[in-house]
């Protein structure tokens, strides 16, 4: 995805996946564009410009996480979602907040490694073919005497014939023996210091001291080609370059989504809890900007974009410690979803639930169509159930559609070639009891 998208273009792209919540989309679009703008600024001013972190306030299931996740995909940026309640103050048993940054770097490493693998894939495939051909066409050692002048030429022709057969898949079932590297299965250990704790792989610590163990394994040619391609691609990678680029990407493009921020305030628990405020104070250096030691190197958090979210039903943003409040200057409220929103969510996004189920059942050659009145009825009942029980927003649609399509999904393999129309009458038939029963606790919705 181009890094030069305008805020209007970013919103337009988010609209393809998320219904409504224009204020939140506008805020993240500006934040993403500001990253591009910062890159156009000369140093040392560039280093002084830090992200304006965002606090999203709204009930569950209205699109907070999805907006942040889609934004990260648009920017091709390292992204991690964490729940603030999973962390504890330093000195308490549990995860410390610096693992957030280490997990972000791990994500960046995976992203960059995939990109580097794609660059060397063609070369790795060529080397893998040659290695496999060496196994398939053994080279006899001359026992002495004159060698025919055209032996090299005929051998080359034979090799190219075999290469064509290999590419056409004519040799896939032939058995060959290749050497494969054995995984060490090295355990993880946790290192404790005055700067917190960090998990490290013993394999990384020992490096190449013990060497790579290899063993011979017999397999068919098609599987052997894949194994050798992966081995050669790994050998072609510059691991140091991957680490350096991943650190740079995490530092300048990383996005951290902190969910359930309202639940680490004292007001949310209704009783004094020193650990909750302690987590906030531990988060503060990360958000303000600090250096975190990871197994890939030191990472500075100054330019990571933090997007926090919470329902803030019992607590208010002002219940957070003042220092942390000040680090989230952009605040947007997300609206609860109404019946019309639910109807649009079911049909408008490019990967809407109705399109997903249509594609799934198409695999069984069963054609399913959702009529307008059927969609409207699902939306109406979803809003009703949310109002009478726990309001879980759009997540309610997942369980509703599972219930509506339960019988169809079960019988689909036996109804190949059939067509089913999910209209209002069919929806009421499947969900009638639920929509009319006041004691909704009897139903798992």
Protein backbone atom coordinates (compact mmCIF):
# COMPACT_ATOMS: atom_id res chain seq x y z
CA UNK A 1 0.00 0.00 0.00
CA UNK A 2 1.32 3.43 -0.90
CA UNK A 3 2.65 5.49 1.96
CA UNK A 4 1.45 8.66 0.20
CA UNK A 5 -2.32 8.20 0.65
CA UNK A 6 -4.16 11.35 1.62
CA UNK A 7 -6.45 11.34 4.68
CA UNK A 8 -9.47 11.29 2.39
CA UNK A 9 -8.12 8.25 0.55
CA UNK A 10 -7.33 6.50 3.85
CA UNK A 11 -10.90 7.04 5.07
CA UNK A 12 -12.25 5.78 1.75
CA UNK A 13 -10.21 2.60 2.13
CA UNK A 14 -11.35 2.10 5.75
CA UNK A 15 -14.96 2.56 4.61
CA UNK A 16 -14.60 -0.63 2.56
CA UNK A 17 -14.29 -2.64 5.77
CA UNK A 18 -15.82 -0.60 8.60
CA UNK A 19 -19.25 1.02 8.76
CA UNK A 20 -19.62 4.48 10.31
CA UNK A 21 -17.37 5.87 13.08
CA UNK A 22 -16.22 8.74 10.88
CA UNK A 23 -14.62 10.71 13.73
CA UNK A 24 -12.34 7.81 14.64
CA UNK A 25 -11.46 7.17 11.00
CA UNK A 26 -10.64 10.84 10.53
CA UNK A 27 -8.34 10.84 13.57
CA UNK A 28 -6.35 7.78 12.49
CA UNK A 29 -6.17 9.00 8.88
CA UNK A 30 -4.56 12.24 10.01
CA UNK A 31 -2.19 10.32 12.30
CA UNK A 32 -1.07 8.09 9.42
CA UNK A 33 -0.62 11.03 7.04
CA UNK A 34 1.43 12.85 9.67
CA UNK A 35 3.89 9.98 9.60
CA UNK A 36 4.49 10.60 5.90
CA UNK A 37 4.74 14.35 6.51
CA UNK A 38 7.34 13.79 9.22
CA UNK A 39 9.52 11.84 6.79
CA UNK A 40 9.58 14.91 4.50
CA UNK A 41 10.94 17.13 7.28
CA UNK A 42 14.70 17.60 7.53
CA UNK A 43 16.65 16.66 10.65
CA UNK A 44 16.95 17.70 13.43
CA UNK A 45 13.32 18.93 13.33
CA UNK A 46 12.18 15.46 12.19
CA UNK A 47 13.34 13.90 15.47
CA UNK A 48 11.38 16.47 17.47
CA UNK A 49 8.04 15.62 15.84
CA UNK A 50 6.33 12.84 17.81
CA UNK A 51 3.01 11.08 17.11
CA UNK A 52 -0.20 12.45 18.62
CA UNK A 53 -1.53 9.36 20.36
CA UNK A 54 -5.24 8.58 20.19
CA UNK A 55 -7.76 7.52 22.84
CA UNK A 56 -10.89 5.84 21.46
CA UNK A 57 -13.89 5.86 23.76
CA UNK A 58 -16.86 3.66 23.03
CA UNK A 59 -18.70 0.41 23.87
CA UNK A 60 -17.44 -3.00 22.81
CA UNK A 61 -18.04 -4.25 19.30
CA UNK A 62 -18.28 -0.89 17.52
CA UNK A 63 -15.04 -1.08 15.50
CA UNK A 64 -12.24 0.32 17.69
CA UNK A 65 -9.83 -2.57 17.22
CA UNK A 66 -10.76 -3.09 13.58
CA UNK A 67 -10.00 0.53 12.71
CA UNK A 68 -6.52 0.25 14.23
CA UNK A 69 -5.86 -3.14 12.62
CA UNK A 70 -6.95 -1.99 9.17
CA UNK A 71 -4.88 1.17 9.54
CA UNK A 72 -1.77 -0.92 10.23
CA UNK A 73 -2.45 -3.03 7.13
CA UNK A 74 -2.83 0.09 5.01
CA UNK A 75 0.51 1.40 6.25
CA UNK A 76 2.16 -2.05 6.11
CA UNK A 77 3.23 -1.28 9.67
CA UNK A 78 4.13 -3.58 12.57
CA UNK A 79 1.00 -3.83 14.73
CA UNK A 80 0.21 -5.39 18.07
CA UNK A 81 -2.97 -5.42 20.14
CA UNK A 82 -2.66 -5.89 23.88
CA UNK A 83 -5.08 -5.74 26.79
CA UNK A 84 -3.91 -3.39 29.50
CA UNK A 85 -5.40 -5.66 32.17
CA UNK A 86 -2.92 -8.43 31.28
CA UNK A 87 0.00 -6.46 32.68
CA UNK A 88 1.13 -5.87 36.25
CA UNK A 89 3.30 -3.31 37.94
CA UNK A 90 6.99 -4.17 38.14
CA UNK A 91 7.50 -6.18 41.33
CA UNK A 92 4.17 -8.04 40.98
CA UNK A 93 3.80 -11.49 39.43
CA UNK A 94 2.84 -11.20 35.76
CA UNK A 95 3.93 -9.62 32.51
CA UNK A 96 5.70 -6.28 32.60
CA UNK A 97 4.82 -3.63 30.02
CA UNK A 98 8.15 -3.77 28.17
CA UNK A 99 7.06 -7.11 26.68
CA UNK A 100 4.66 -5.02 24.56
CA UNK A 101 7.61 -3.53 22.70
CA UNK A 102 9.42 -6.86 22.46
CA UNK A 103 6.31 -8.43 20.94
CA UNK A 104 6.08 -5.51 18.50
CA UNK A 105 9.68 -6.13 17.40
CA UNK A 106 8.91 -9.85 16.95
CA UNK A 107 6.05 -8.85 14.65
CA UNK A 108 8.34 -6.53 12.70
CA UNK A 109 10.95 -9.28 12.34
CA UNK A 110 8.35 -11.63 10.85
CA UNK A 111 7.12 -8.95 8.42
CA UNK A 112 10.60 -8.00 7.22
CA UNK A 113 11.72 -11.63 6.97
CA UNK A 114 8.77 -12.45 4.68
CA UNK A 115 9.64 -9.46 2.48
CA UNK A 116 13.30 -10.50 2.26
CA UNK A 117 12.31 -14.10 1.51
CA UNK A 118 10.26 -12.90 -1.46
CA UNK A 119 13.31 -11.07 -2.84
CA UNK A 120 15.51 -14.17 -2.78
CA UNK A 121 12.83 -16.68 -3.73
CA UNK A 122 13.71 -16.89 -7.44
CA UNK A 123 17.41 -17.36 -6.71
CA UNK A 124 16.63 -19.96 -4.01
CA UNK A 125 14.43 -21.91 -6.45
CA UNK A 126 17.22 -22.02 -9.04
CA UNK A 127 19.81 -23.21 -6.50
CA UNK A 128 17.35 -25.78 -5.13
CA UNK A 129 16.74 -27.16 -8.63
CA UNK A 130 20.49 -27.52 -9.20
CA UNK A 131 20.99 -29.27 -5.85
CA UNK A 132 18.18 -31.68 -6.56
CA UNK A 133 19.44 -32.36 -10.09
CA UNK A 134 22.84 -33.19 -8.60
CA UNK A 135 21.10 -35.89 -6.56
CA UNK A 136 18.96 -37.14 -9.46
CA UNK A 137 21.87 -37.21 -11.94
CA UNK A 138 24.92 -38.68 -10.19
CA UNK A 139 28.26 -37.73 -11.72
CA UNK A 140 30.40 -40.80 -12.38
CA UNK A 141 34.08 -40.48 -11.47
CA UNK A 142 36.32 -41.33 -14.46
CA UNK A 143 38.41 -44.44 -13.85
CA UNK A 144 41.14 -43.28 -16.21
CA UNK A 145 41.68 -43.31 -19.94
CA UNK A 146 40.58 -40.77 -22.55
CA UNK A 147 37.38 -38.78 -22.06
CA UNK A 148 35.05 -38.12 -24.98
CA UNK A 149 35.17 -34.51 -26.12
CA UNK A 150 31.37 -34.24 -26.30
CA UNK A 151 30.68 -35.78 -22.84
CA UNK A 152 30.22 -32.37 -21.24
CA UNK A 153 27.77 -31.34 -23.94
CA UNK A 154 25.70 -34.53 -23.72
CA UNK A 155 25.69 -34.30 -19.92
CA UNK A 156 24.43 -30.74 -20.11
CA UNK A 157 21.65 -31.77 -22.50
CA UNK A 158 20.63 -34.58 -20.16
CA UNK A 159 20.60 -32.19 -17.22
CA UNK A 160 18.38 -29.69 -19.01
CA UNK A 161 15.98 -32.48 -20.01
CA UNK A 162 15.76 -33.50 -16.37
CA UNK A 163 15.24 -29.88 -15.34
CA UNK A 164 12.25 -29.61 -17.68
CA UNK A 165 10.80 -32.84 -16.30
CA UNK A 166 11.32 -31.53 -12.76
CA UNK A 167 9.48 -28.30 -13.57
CA UNK A 168 6.64 -30.17 -15.25
CA UNK A 169 6.21 -32.33 -12.14
CA UNK A 170 7.05 -35.57 -13.93
CA UNK A 171 9.58 -36.50 -11.23
CA UNK A 172 7.43 -35.58 -8.21
CA UNK A 173 6.87 -39.16 -7.04
CA UNK A 174 10.50 -40.30 -7.33
CA UNK A 175 12.21 -40.91 -3.98
CA UNK A 176 15.41 -39.09 -3.08
CA UNK A 177 17.54 -38.78 0.03
CA UNK A 178 18.52 -35.30 1.21
CA UNK A 179 20.16 -33.76 4.25
CA UNK A 180 17.93 -31.71 6.53
CA UNK A 181 18.85 -29.59 9.50
CA UNK A 182 17.55 -30.78 12.85
CA UNK A 183 15.80 -28.19 14.97
CA UNK A 184 17.42 -27.85 18.33
CA UNK A 185 14.20 -27.40 20.26
CA UNK A 186 16.12 -25.08 22.55
CA UNK A 187 13.99 -23.94 25.49
CA UNK A 188 13.21 -20.35 26.37
CA UNK A 189 14.61 -18.83 29.50
CA UNK A 190 13.71 -15.60 31.22
CA UNK A 191 16.43 -13.13 32.12
CA UNK A 192 15.72 -10.80 35.05
CA UNK A 193 17.49 -7.50 35.56
CA UNK A 194 16.88 -4.12 37.11
CA UNK A 195 15.25 -3.10 33.83
CA UNK A 196 12.59 -5.78 33.93
CA UNK A 197 12.59 -9.23 32.37
CA UNK A 198 13.18 -10.56 28.90
CA UNK A 199 12.65 -13.94 27.30
CA UNK A 200 15.62 -15.25 25.35
CA UNK A 201 16.09 -18.30 23.17
CA UNK A 202 19.02 -20.44 24.29
CA UNK A 203 19.70 -21.15 20.63
CA UNK A 204 20.27 -17.43 20.05
CA UNK A 205 22.52 -17.16 23.10
CA UNK A 206 24.70 -20.11 22.15
CA UNK A 207 24.85 -19.03 18.54
CA UNK A 208 26.77 -21.40 16.35
CA UNK A 209 28.95 -22.86 19.11
CA UNK A 210 27.26 -26.22 18.91
CA UNK A 211 26.89 -26.19 15.12
CA UNK A 212 23.88 -27.32 13.08
CA UNK A 213 23.11 -31.02 13.23
CA UNK A 214 22.07 -32.57 9.93
CA UNK A 215 20.53 -35.93 9.14
CA UNK A 216 19.57 -37.74 5.98
CA UNK A 217 15.90 -38.10 5.21
CA UNK A 218 14.13 -39.88 2.38
CA UNK A 219 11.18 -38.20 0.70
CA UNK A 220 9.61 -37.69 -2.71
CA UNK A 221 11.01 -35.10 -5.12
CA UNK A 222 8.17 -32.58 -4.74
CA UNK A 223 8.64 -32.42 -0.95
CA UNK A 224 12.42 -32.41 -1.24
CA UNK A 225 12.31 -29.42 -3.59
CA UNK A 226 10.30 -27.41 -1.06
CA UNK A 227 12.67 -28.31 1.79
CA UNK A 228 15.77 -27.40 -0.21
CA UNK A 229 14.19 -24.14 -1.41
CA UNK A 230 13.51 -23.15 2.19
CA UNK A 231 17.06 -24.07 3.23
CA UNK A 232 18.61 -22.06 0.41
CA UNK A 233 16.34 -19.06 1.01
CA UNK A 234 17.35 -19.04 4.68
CA UNK A 235 21.04 -19.14 3.69
CA UNK A 236 20.58 -16.21 1.29
CA UNK A 237 19.00 -13.98 3.95
CA UNK A 238 21.09 -11.32 5.65
CA UNK A 239 19.96 -11.77 9.24
CA UNK A 240 21.70 -8.58 10.44
CA UNK A 241 19.97 -6.54 7.74
CA UNK A 242 16.61 -8.04 8.73
CA UNK A 243 17.15 -7.12 12.39
CA UNK A 244 18.22 -3.56 11.55
CA UNK A 245 15.27 -2.97 9.23
CA UNK A 246 12.80 -4.50 11.68
CA UNK A 247 14.02 -2.26 14.50
CA UNK A 248 13.77 0.78 12.21
CA UNK A 249 10.25 -0.17 11.07
CA UNK A 250 9.06 -0.80 14.62
CA UNK A 251 10.52 2.51 15.80
CA UNK A 252 9.12 4.67 12.99
CA UNK A 253 6.01 2.83 11.79
CA UNK A 254 4.96 0.65 14.74
CA UNK A 255 1.38 0.85 16.05
CA UNK A 256 0.46 -0.38 19.54
CA UNK A 257 -3.24 -0.82 20.34
CA UNK A 258 -3.87 -0.72 24.11
CA UNK A 259 -7.32 -2.10 24.83
CA UNK A 260 -9.30 -1.93 28.10
CA UNK A 261 -7.49 1.17 29.32
CA UNK A 262 -10.51 2.07 31.44
CA UNK A 263 -10.07 -1.13 33.47
CA UNK A 264 -6.68 -0.13 34.89
CA UNK A 265 -8.11 2.89 36.67
CA UNK A 266 -9.02 2.64 40.36
CA UNK A 267 -12.56 3.83 39.74
CA UNK A 268 -13.25 0.83 37.47
CA UNK A 269 -12.63 -1.60 40.33
CA UNK A 270 -14.50 0.41 42.95
CA UNK A 271 -11.71 -0.13 45.48
CA UNK A 272 -8.14 1.07 45.98
CA UNK A 273 -5.72 -0.94 43.86
CA UNK A 274 -2.13 0.18 43.82
CA UNK A 275 -1.24 -2.22 41.02
CA UNK A 276 -3.68 -0.61 38.55
CA UNK A 277 -2.13 2.81 38.96
CA UNK A 278 1.27 1.13 38.89
CA UNK A 279 0.56 -0.29 35.42
CA UNK A 280 -0.32 3.19 34.22
CA UNK A 281 2.95 4.54 35.60
CA UNK A 282 4.86 1.71 33.93
CA UNK A 283 3.13 2.45 30.61
CA UNK A 284 4.02 6.12 30.83
CA UNK A 285 7.72 5.81 29.83
CA UNK A 286 6.77 3.70 26.79
CA UNK A 287 4.27 6.29 25.62
CA UNK A 288 6.52 9.24 26.47
CA UNK A 289 9.50 7.67 24.76
CA UNK A 290 12.15 5.39 26.17
CA UNK A 291 14.67 2.77 25.06
CA UNK A 292 13.75 -0.88 25.47
CA UNK A 293 16.28 -3.68 25.27
CA UNK A 294 15.13 -6.53 22.99
CA UNK A 295 16.99 -9.62 21.81
CA UNK A 296 17.36 -7.94 18.40
CA UNK A 297 18.81 -4.71 19.76
CA UNK A 298 17.77 -1.51 21.49
CA UNK A 299 14.53 0.12 20.35
CA UNK A 300 13.42 3.69 20.98
CA UNK A 301 9.67 4.20 21.45
CA UNK A 302 9.58 7.95 20.72
CA UNK A 303 7.82 7.60 17.37
CA UNK A 304 5.58 4.57 17.94
CA UNK A 305 1.89 5.44 17.56
CA UNK A 306 -0.14 4.35 20.60
CA UNK A 307 -3.90 3.96 20.17
CA UNK A 308 -5.71 3.30 23.45
CA UNK A 309 -9.32 2.31 23.82
CA UNK A 310 -11.92 1.58 26.44
CA UNK A 311 -15.65 1.62 27.06
CA UNK A 312 -15.23 4.00 30.03
CA UNK A 313 -18.65 3.07 31.43
CA UNK A 314 -17.64 3.17 35.10
CA UNK A 315 -14.50 5.25 34.72
CA UNK A 316 -13.70 8.41 32.78
CA UNK A 317 -10.55 9.33 30.85
CA UNK A 318 -9.87 11.84 33.63
CA UNK A 319 -9.50 8.90 36.04
CA UNK A 320 -6.22 7.98 34.39
CA UNK A 321 -3.12 9.47 35.99
CA UNK A 322 -2.63 13.03 34.68
CA UNK A 323 0.72 12.29 33.04
CA UNK A 324 -0.80 9.47 30.96
CA UNK A 325 -3.85 11.53 30.04
CA UNK A 326 -1.57 14.14 28.55
CA UNK A 327 0.06 11.57 26.30
CA UNK A 328 -3.25 10.86 24.50
CA UNK A 329 -4.18 14.31 23.18
CA UNK A 330 -6.52 13.04 20.45
CA UNK A 331 -9.79 11.72 21.87
CA UNK A 332 -12.64 10.37 19.78
CA UNK A 333 -15.97 8.88 20.79
CA UNK A 334 -17.37 5.95 18.88
CA UNK A 335 -21.13 5.60 18.65
CA UNK A 336 -23.18 2.60 19.69
CA UNK A 337 -24.52 0.75 16.67
CA UNK A 338 -28.17 1.02 15.68
CA UNK A 339 -30.36 -1.18 13.49
CA UNK A 340 -29.38 0.57 10.27
CA UNK A 341 -25.68 0.18 11.14
CA UNK A 342 -26.20 -3.55 11.66
CA UNK A 343 -27.97 -3.87 8.32
CA UNK A 344 -25.09 -2.10 6.54
CA UNK A 345 -22.46 -4.17 8.37
CA UNK A 346 -24.10 -7.34 7.08
CA UNK A 347 -23.90 -6.36 3.41
CA UNK A 348 -21.60 -3.41 2.62
CA UNK A 349 -18.01 -4.34 3.71
CA UNK A 350 -16.01 -6.23 1.09
CA UNK A 351 -15.66 -9.14 3.52
CA UNK A 352 -19.08 -8.87 5.15
CA UNK A 353 -20.44 -11.84 7.08
CA UNK A 354 -23.07 -12.60 4.46
CA UNK A 355 -20.41 -12.71 1.74
CA UNK A 356 -18.25 -14.96 3.92
CA UNK A 357 -21.06 -17.45 4.48
CA UNK A 358 -22.04 -17.35 0.80
CA UNK A 359 -18.47 -18.23 -0.16
CA UNK A 360 -18.22 -21.00 2.47
CA UNK A 361 -21.40 -22.73 1.33
CA UNK A 362 -20.46 -22.26 -2.31
CA UNK A 363 -17.64 -24.72 -1.60
CA UNK A 364 -20.42 -27.33 -1.16
CA UNK A 365 -22.06 -26.11 -4.41
CA UNK A 366 -24.92 -24.74 -2.32
CA UNK A 367 -26.14 -21.31 -3.41
CA UNK A 368 -27.39 -19.08 -0.62
CA UNK A 369 -28.97 -15.66 -1.07
CA UNK A 370 -29.87 -13.14 1.61
CA UNK A 371 -32.92 -11.08 0.76
CA UNK A 372 -33.21 -7.46 1.88
CA UNK A 373 -36.01 -8.25 4.32
CA UNK A 374 -33.98 -11.17 5.72
CA UNK A 375 -31.01 -8.89 6.37
CA UNK A 376 -33.29 -6.32 7.97
CA UNK A 377 -34.83 -8.95 10.24
CA UNK A 378 -31.42 -10.20 11.42
CA UNK A 379 -30.41 -6.61 12.20
CA UNK A 380 -33.66 -5.95 14.08
CA UNK A 381 -33.33 -9.04 16.26
CA UNK A 382 -29.62 -8.38 16.91
CA UNK A 383 -30.42 -4.91 18.24
CA UNK A 384 -33.23 -6.33 20.37
CA UNK A 385 -30.99 -9.02 21.91
CA UNK A 386 -28.24 -6.47 22.58
CA UNK A 387 -30.77 -4.23 24.32
CA UNK A 388 -32.12 -7.01 26.55
CA UNK A 389 -28.80 -8.63 27.42
CA UNK A 390 -25.16 -7.58 27.32
CA UNK A 391 -24.53 -5.15 24.46
CA UNK A 392 -21.62 -6.67 22.55
CA UNK A 393 -22.13 -4.59 19.42
CA UNK A 394 -21.49 -6.08 16.00
CA UNK A 395 -20.08 -9.26 17.54
CA UNK A 396 -23.70 -10.24 18.12
CA UNK A 397 -24.09 -10.72 14.36
CA UNK A 398 -21.65 -13.65 14.37
CA UNK A 399 -23.75 -15.70 16.79
CA UNK A 400 -27.00 -14.61 15.13
CA UNK A 401 -25.90 -15.77 11.70
CA UNK A 402 -24.54 -19.03 13.08
CA UNK A 403 -27.95 -19.68 14.58
CA UNK A 404 -29.81 -18.68 11.40
CA UNK A 405 -27.62 -20.88 9.18
CA UNK A 406 -27.14 -23.78 11.59
CA UNK A 407 -29.40 -26.24 9.74
CA UNK A 408 -28.20 -25.14 6.30
CA UNK A 409 -24.54 -25.52 7.30
CA UNK A 410 -25.19 -28.97 8.74
CA UNK A 411 -27.01 -30.23 5.62
CA UNK A 412 -24.96 -28.37 2.99
CA UNK A 413 -22.85 -31.39 1.98
CA UNK A 414 -26.07 -33.31 1.23
CA UNK A 415 -27.71 -30.49 -0.75
CA UNK A 416 -25.22 -29.89 -3.54
CA UNK A 417 -26.79 -27.88 -6.35
CA UNK A 418 -29.61 -26.47 -4.18
CA UNK A 419 -30.42 -22.81 -3.68
CA UNK A 420 -31.62 -21.30 -0.40
CA UNK A 421 -33.20 -17.91 0.08
CA UNK A 422 -32.74 -16.46 3.57
CA UNK A 423 -35.68 -14.08 3.85
CA UNK A 424 -37.46 -12.54 6.83
CA UNK A 425 -39.77 -15.55 7.21
CA UNK A 426 -36.83 -17.95 7.35
CA UNK A 427 -34.99 -15.77 9.88
CA UNK A 428 -38.08 -15.60 12.11
CA UNK A 429 -38.45 -19.37 11.83
CA UNK A 430 -34.90 -19.87 13.11
CA UNK A 431 -34.88 -17.05 15.66
CA UNK A 432 -38.54 -16.61 16.49
CA UNK A 433 -38.35 -17.95 20.06
CA UNK A 434 -35.34 -15.80 20.83
CA UNK A 435 -36.81 -12.57 19.52
CA UNK A 436 -40.00 -12.98 21.55
CA UNK A 437 -38.70 -14.60 24.76
CA UNK A 438 -37.88 -12.11 27.50
CA UNK A 439 -35.66 -14.64 29.30
CA UNK A 440 -32.85 -14.52 26.74
CA UNK A 441 -30.42 -16.01 29.26
CA UNK A 442 -31.70 -19.43 28.16
CA UNK A 443 -30.11 -18.94 24.75
CA UNK A 444 -26.41 -18.80 23.95
CA UNK A 445 -26.40 -15.66 21.88
